[in-house]
Protein backbone atom coordinates (compact mmCIF):
# COMPACT_ATOMS: atom_id res chain seq x y z
CA MET A 1 1.49 8.90 -11.63
CA ALA A 2 -1.18 10.63 -10.50
CA ALA A 3 -0.11 10.82 -7.28
CA ASN A 4 3.09 12.92 -8.99
CA GLN A 5 1.42 15.26 -11.49
CA ALA A 6 2.98 18.09 -10.12
CA ALA A 7 6.22 16.48 -10.95
CA LEU A 8 5.26 15.79 -14.44
CA ALA A 9 6.45 17.39 -17.73
CA GLY A 10 6.58 17.68 -21.49
CA GLY A 11 9.49 15.83 -23.14
CA ILE A 12 12.50 16.58 -24.51
CA ALA A 13 16.40 14.71 -25.46
CA LEU A 14 17.53 12.69 -23.26
CA GLU A 15 21.14 12.19 -22.48
CA PRO A 16 22.77 9.15 -23.74
CA SER A 17 22.52 5.66 -22.01
CA HIS A 18 25.31 5.92 -19.96
CA THR A 19 24.26 8.35 -17.72
CA ALA A 20 21.26 6.27 -16.67
CA THR A 21 20.17 4.86 -13.59
CA PHE A 22 18.73 1.82 -14.11
CA ILE A 23 16.10 0.31 -11.66
CA ARG A 24 14.37 -3.16 -11.46
CA PRO A 25 11.90 -4.48 -9.04
CA LYS A 26 13.43 -7.78 -7.36
CA GLY A 27 9.56 -8.36 -5.46
CA GLY A 28 8.25 -8.25 -2.36
CA GLY A 29 8.41 -4.03 -2.49
CA SER A 30 12.30 -3.93 -2.81
CA PHE A 31 14.31 -2.67 -5.98
CA PHE A 32 17.92 -3.36 -7.44
CA VAL A 33 19.65 0.19 -8.33
CA SER A 34 22.70 0.36 -10.80
CA ASP A 35 24.72 3.00 -12.55
CA GLY A 36 24.38 2.63 -16.77
CA PRO A 37 21.73 1.14 -18.67
CA PHE A 38 19.78 -2.17 -18.59
CA VAL A 39 21.58 -3.66 -20.87
CA GLU A 40 24.15 -2.92 -23.56
CA THR A 41 22.46 -3.22 -26.73
CA LYS A 42 19.52 -1.71 -28.64
CA GLU A 43 16.63 -0.64 -26.70
CA GLN A 44 13.04 -0.56 -27.15
CA LEU A 45 11.41 2.42 -25.78
CA VAL A 46 7.45 1.74 -24.97
CA GLY A 47 7.27 4.94 -23.39
CA TYR A 48 8.24 7.57 -21.03
CA TYR A 49 8.03 10.24 -18.00
CA ILE A 50 9.48 13.10 -17.65
CA ILE A 51 10.08 14.52 -13.75
CA GLU A 52 11.18 17.58 -12.38
CA ALA A 53 12.71 16.09 -8.92
CA THR A 54 15.15 18.06 -6.89
CA ASN A 55 18.10 15.15 -7.36
CA LEU A 56 18.81 11.67 -8.51
CA ASP A 57 16.97 9.86 -5.20
CA GLU A 58 13.75 11.86 -5.79
CA ALA A 59 13.64 10.44 -9.35
CA ILE A 60 13.84 7.20 -8.30
CA ALA A 61 11.24 6.95 -5.89
CA ILE A 62 8.96 8.45 -8.66
CA ALA A 63 9.85 5.87 -10.66
CA GLN A 64 9.39 3.05 -8.63
CA GLN A 65 5.79 3.98 -8.76
CA ILE A 66 5.90 3.37 -12.04
CA PRO A 67 4.24 0.14 -13.05
CA MET A 68 6.58 -2.85 -14.03
CA ASP A 69 5.18 -5.58 -15.47
CA TYR A 70 8.41 -6.35 -17.35
CA GLY A 71 11.40 -4.77 -18.06
CA GLY A 72 12.43 -2.06 -16.08
CA VAL A 73 12.48 2.35 -15.52
CA GLU A 74 15.65 3.76 -16.61
CA VAL A 75 16.37 6.98 -14.77
CA ARG A 76 18.45 9.67 -16.69
CA PRO A 77 18.87 13.45 -16.63
CA VAL A 78 17.57 15.53 -19.57
CA ARG A 79 19.92 17.24 -22.49
CA VAL A 80 20.43 21.51 -21.90
CA LEU A 81 20.45 21.85 -25.67
CA SER A 82 21.94 25.54 -26.66
């Protein structure tokens, strides 16, 4: 993520899983992108990045650079708490 240092920010609450966009590598440098969480079950969060992107497409482009030895990456909007 060193290449995206300027886009990295701190941690904050996330919106529910139904707002997620899931990205999974297909192999050969291509990716499968779908709306919603990866699975409808309890999930284990191994770690997370908060990135500042101008739109979902930019966030997906950055997320595709995260190493995915197994599993995948969900992209979710940040919840604004008042």
